[in-house]
């Protein structure tokens, strides 16, 4: 198992709704070569259709695939708490470590969520239960195929979760603050005096631009 190498990445950090998904992939050296031949890339550079097509091929080439979702309520709890160096980046590091512990890899590369990659790597290592060498770098999803594969898994699982929410609650667009459809969907709801639904991250400063003060938005149960 120590011959396995792994990669971990996340999807959905900047979105105002839905979960943040952390995913990891581990593979043998031959498995990594298979991933390269598949043409895995940073998930943001691929269409949704291509990501979905690659998903089962990544699973087939990998030794292990694991992913976890961080729900909006847990994200809000750390952001609103405001404890220095214990906000969202640290929460991500905790989940990165949980995923790494499931991969069975001796070496794992992670796409650093912190502006200081070394600090993020330290936080990940501090939360590991199993011994593993962790390398934390920016743009790892671009430069390391094993991390590219993890980014695709994270993005597909995140898209599926958001798609389910959209099917249940209506078309709110992508859920990213810059999306006009997302803005109009929630601005209209706020204008009607309705509470923010439980699937949104009420700690986001975006709500101030939508007409609510961050941290004072009513959250539906």
Protein backbone atom coordinates (compact mmCIF):
# COMPACT_ATOMS: atom_id res chain seq x y z
CA UNK A 1 0.00 0.00 0.00
CA UNK A 2 2.89 2.37 0.61
CA UNK A 3 3.58 2.29 -3.13
CA UNK A 4 0.40 4.25 -3.60
CA UNK A 5 0.54 7.99 -4.20
CA UNK A 6 -2.43 10.24 -3.68
CA UNK A 7 -3.91 13.61 -4.47
CA UNK A 8 -6.60 15.68 -2.76
CA UNK A 9 -8.56 18.72 -3.92
CA UNK A 10 -11.86 20.47 -3.21
CA UNK A 11 -14.76 21.96 -5.15
CA UNK A 12 -17.28 24.65 -4.28
CA UNK A 13 -15.34 26.87 -1.91
CA UNK A 14 -16.57 30.17 -3.34
CA UNK A 15 -20.20 29.21 -3.82
CA UNK A 16 -22.94 30.76 -1.66
CA UNK A 17 -24.85 27.50 -1.33
CA UNK A 18 -24.53 23.76 -1.07
CA UNK A 19 -21.69 21.68 0.28
CA UNK A 20 -17.97 22.09 -0.18
CA UNK A 21 -16.70 18.72 -1.41
CA UNK A 22 -13.21 17.36 -0.66
CA UNK A 23 -12.07 14.38 -2.71
CA UNK A 24 -9.00 12.20 -2.89
CA UNK A 25 -7.61 9.63 -5.29
CA UNK A 26 -4.75 7.18 -4.75
CA UNK A 27 -3.07 5.02 -7.36
CA UNK A 28 -0.05 2.88 -8.12
CA UNK A 29 2.57 4.30 -10.51
CA UNK A 30 0.85 2.40 -13.32
CA UNK A 31 -2.47 3.86 -12.22
CA UNK A 32 -1.03 7.36 -12.42
CA UNK A 33 0.16 6.62 -15.95
CA UNK A 34 -3.37 5.49 -16.82
CA UNK A 35 -4.73 8.77 -15.46
CA UNK A 36 -2.32 10.67 -17.67
CA UNK A 37 -3.45 8.69 -20.69
CA UNK A 38 -7.06 9.45 -19.84
CA UNK A 39 -6.23 13.14 -20.14
CA UNK A 40 -7.23 14.23 -16.64
CA UNK A 41 -6.86 17.96 -16.12
CA UNK A 42 -7.91 20.64 -13.67
CA UNK A 43 -11.68 20.06 -13.46
CA UNK A 44 -12.36 23.74 -14.21
CA UNK A 45 -10.81 23.21 -17.65
CA UNK A 46 -13.24 20.43 -18.54
CA UNK A 47 -16.91 20.48 -19.50
CA UNK A 48 -19.45 18.94 -17.16
CA UNK A 49 -20.05 16.20 -19.74
CA UNK A 50 -16.34 15.38 -19.94
CA UNK A 51 -15.99 15.31 -16.14
CA UNK A 52 -18.90 12.87 -15.87
CA UNK A 53 -17.34 10.67 -18.57
CA UNK A 54 -13.98 10.65 -16.80
CA UNK A 55 -15.41 9.86 -13.37
CA UNK A 56 -15.85 6.07 -13.81
CA UNK A 57 -12.56 5.84 -15.70
CA UNK A 58 -10.75 7.49 -12.80
CA UNK A 59 -12.40 5.07 -10.37
CA UNK A 60 -11.26 2.16 -12.55
CA UNK A 61 -7.66 3.41 -12.76
CA UNK A 62 -7.38 4.32 -9.08
CA UNK A 63 -6.62 2.14 -6.09
CA UNK A 64 -8.98 4.12 -3.89
CA UNK A 65 -11.32 7.08 -4.31
CA UNK A 66 -12.82 8.90 -1.35
CA UNK A 67 -14.81 12.09 -0.90
CA UNK A 68 -16.55 13.99 1.89
CA UNK A 69 -19.02 16.88 1.92
CA UNK A 70 -18.80 19.86 4.27
CA UNK A 71 -22.38 21.12 4.79
CA UNK A 72 -23.28 24.84 4.83
CA UNK A 73 -24.04 24.81 8.54
CA UNK A 74 -20.57 23.55 9.45
CA UNK A 75 -18.98 26.12 7.13
CA UNK A 76 -21.00 28.90 8.80
CA UNK A 77 -20.02 27.75 12.27
CA UNK A 78 -16.31 28.27 11.63
CA UNK A 79 -16.63 31.43 9.53
CA UNK A 80 -18.94 33.21 11.98
CA UNK A 81 -16.86 32.08 14.96
CA UNK A 82 -14.06 34.18 13.51
CA UNK A 83 -11.22 32.46 15.37
CA UNK A 84 -7.94 33.47 13.75
CA UNK A 85 -6.38 30.71 11.62
CA UNK A 86 -9.30 28.42 12.47
CA UNK A 87 -11.71 29.48 9.74
CA UNK A 88 -12.57 27.84 6.44
CA UNK A 89 -9.01 27.00 5.37
CA UNK A 90 -8.46 25.12 8.59
CA UNK A 91 -11.78 23.31 8.28
CA UNK A 92 -10.72 22.24 4.80
CA UNK A 93 -7.42 20.96 6.18
CA UNK A 94 -9.32 18.81 8.69
CA UNK A 95 -11.39 17.28 5.90
CA UNK A 96 -8.34 16.85 3.65
CA UNK A 97 -6.76 14.83 6.45
CA UNK A 98 -9.88 12.68 6.85
CA UNK A 99 -9.83 11.89 3.14
CA UNK A 100 -6.08 11.17 3.14
CA UNK A 101 -6.56 8.68 5.97
CA UNK A 102 -8.86 6.69 3.66
CA UNK A 103 -6.50 6.60 0.67
CA UNK A 104 -3.81 4.21 1.95
CA UNK A 105 -1.08 6.24 0.26
CA UNK A 106 2.44 6.83 1.53
CA UNK A 107 2.70 10.19 -0.28
CA UNK A 108 -0.09 12.65 -1.01
CA UNK A 109 -0.07 15.96 -2.84
CA UNK A 110 -2.77 18.47 -1.92
CA UNK A 111 -3.93 21.60 -3.67
CA UNK A 112 -3.24 24.25 -1.02
CA UNK A 113 -6.28 26.26 0.06
CA UNK A 114 -4.18 28.70 2.07
CA UNK A 115 -2.15 31.53 0.53
CA UNK A 116 0.74 29.98 2.46
CA UNK A 117 1.00 26.39 1.17
CA UNK A 118 3.29 25.25 3.96
CA UNK A 119 0.85 26.37 6.64
CA UNK A 120 -1.97 24.46 4.98
CA UNK A 121 0.24 21.38 4.73
CA UNK A 122 1.08 21.63 8.43
CA UNK A 123 -2.62 21.84 9.32
CA UNK A 124 -3.36 18.77 7.21
CA UNK A 125 -0.50 16.78 8.80
CA UNK A 126 -1.58 17.80 12.30
CA UNK A 127 -5.01 16.26 11.71
CA UNK A 128 -3.88 12.96 10.20
CA UNK A 129 -4.48 9.73 12.08
CA UNK A 130 -2.20 7.67 9.83
CA UNK A 131 1.37 8.39 8.80
CA UNK A 132 1.66 9.99 5.37
CA UNK A 133 4.02 12.40 3.64
CA UNK A 134 2.01 15.45 2.58
CA UNK A 135 3.12 17.98 -0.02
CA UNK A 136 1.01 21.14 -0.20
CA UNK A 137 1.32 23.31 -3.32
CA UNK A 138 -0.70 25.80 -5.30
CA UNK A 139 -2.05 24.76 -8.71
CA UNK A 140 -1.58 21.10 -7.86
CA UNK A 141 -4.75 20.30 -9.82
CA UNK A 142 -2.97 21.68 -12.88
CA UNK A 143 0.46 20.15 -12.37
CA UNK A 144 -0.19 16.71 -10.84
CA UNK A 145 -2.48 14.22 -12.64
CA UNK A 146 -3.39 12.48 -9.39
CA UNK A 147 -4.65 15.81 -8.02
CA UNK A 148 -6.39 16.58 -11.31
CA UNK A 149 -8.25 13.30 -10.89
CA UNK A 150 -9.24 14.26 -7.34
CA UNK A 151 -10.46 17.66 -8.55
CA UNK A 152 -12.70 15.94 -11.11
CA UNK A 153 -14.20 13.63 -8.48
CA UNK A 154 -14.82 16.60 -6.16
CA UNK A 155 -16.39 18.68 -8.91
CA UNK A 156 -18.70 15.91 -10.14
CA UNK A 157 -19.93 15.12 -6.63
CA UNK A 158 -20.42 18.82 -5.93
CA UNK A 159 -22.32 19.32 -9.22
CA UNK A 160 -24.56 16.36 -8.42
CA UNK A 161 -25.38 17.77 -4.99
CA UNK A 162 -26.16 21.22 -6.41
CA UNK A 163 -28.22 19.66 -9.19
CA UNK A 164 -30.33 17.86 -6.59
CA UNK A 165 -30.88 21.15 -4.74
CA UNK A 166 -31.81 22.90 -7.97
CA UNK A 167 -34.32 20.18 -8.79
CA UNK A 168 -35.93 20.54 -5.38
CA UNK A 169 -35.89 24.32 -4.94
CA UNK A 170 -35.85 25.81 -8.44
CA UNK A 171 -33.25 27.17 -10.81
CA UNK A 172 -30.92 29.40 -8.78
CA UNK A 173 -28.20 29.24 -11.41
CA UNK A 174 -24.69 28.15 -10.56
CA UNK A 175 -24.83 29.33 -6.96
CA UNK A 176 -21.77 31.54 -7.40
CA UNK A 177 -22.07 35.21 -6.38
CA UNK A 178 -21.22 36.53 -9.86
CA UNK A 179 -24.09 34.60 -11.48
CA UNK A 180 -26.98 37.02 -12.31
CA UNK A 181 -29.52 34.21 -11.97
CA UNK A 182 -28.23 33.34 -8.50
CA UNK A 183 -28.39 36.99 -7.47
CA UNK A 184 -31.94 37.50 -8.76
CA UNK A 185 -33.17 34.21 -7.26
CA UNK A 186 -32.13 35.15 -3.74
CA UNK A 187 -32.64 38.92 -4.02
CA UNK A 188 -36.29 38.30 -4.92
CA UNK A 189 -36.67 35.92 -2.00
CA UNK A 190 -35.08 38.42 0.38
CA UNK A 191 -37.33 41.15 -1.03
CA UNK A 192 -40.39 39.07 -0.18
CA UNK A 193 -39.18 38.81 3.40
CA UNK A 194 -38.57 35.07 3.20
CA UNK A 195 -35.80 33.49 5.30
CA UNK A 196 -32.65 32.18 3.71
CA UNK A 197 -33.00 28.45 3.06
CA UNK A 198 -30.93 25.97 5.01
CA UNK A 199 -28.87 25.02 1.95
CA UNK A 200 -27.17 28.43 1.73
CA UNK A 201 -24.06 29.66 3.55
CA UNK A 202 -25.43 32.59 5.49
CA UNK A 203 -21.95 33.64 6.69
CA UNK A 204 -20.98 34.80 3.18
CA UNK A 205 -20.55 38.58 2.77
CA UNK A 206 -22.44 38.20 -0.50
CA UNK A 207 -25.71 38.59 1.41
CA UNK A 208 -24.84 42.23 2.16
CA UNK A 209 -24.85 42.86 -1.59
CA UNK A 210 -28.16 41.03 -1.83
CA UNK A 211 -29.71 43.23 0.88
CA UNK A 212 -28.88 41.46 4.14
CA UNK A 213 -26.21 42.09 6.74
CA UNK A 214 -23.85 39.07 7.04
CA UNK A 215 -24.50 37.05 10.16
CA UNK A 216 -27.94 38.58 10.66
CA UNK A 217 -29.78 36.68 7.96
CA UNK A 218 -32.63 34.48 9.09
CA UNK A 219 -31.90 30.86 8.34
CA UNK A 220 -34.77 28.55 7.54
CA UNK A 221 -34.87 25.17 9.24
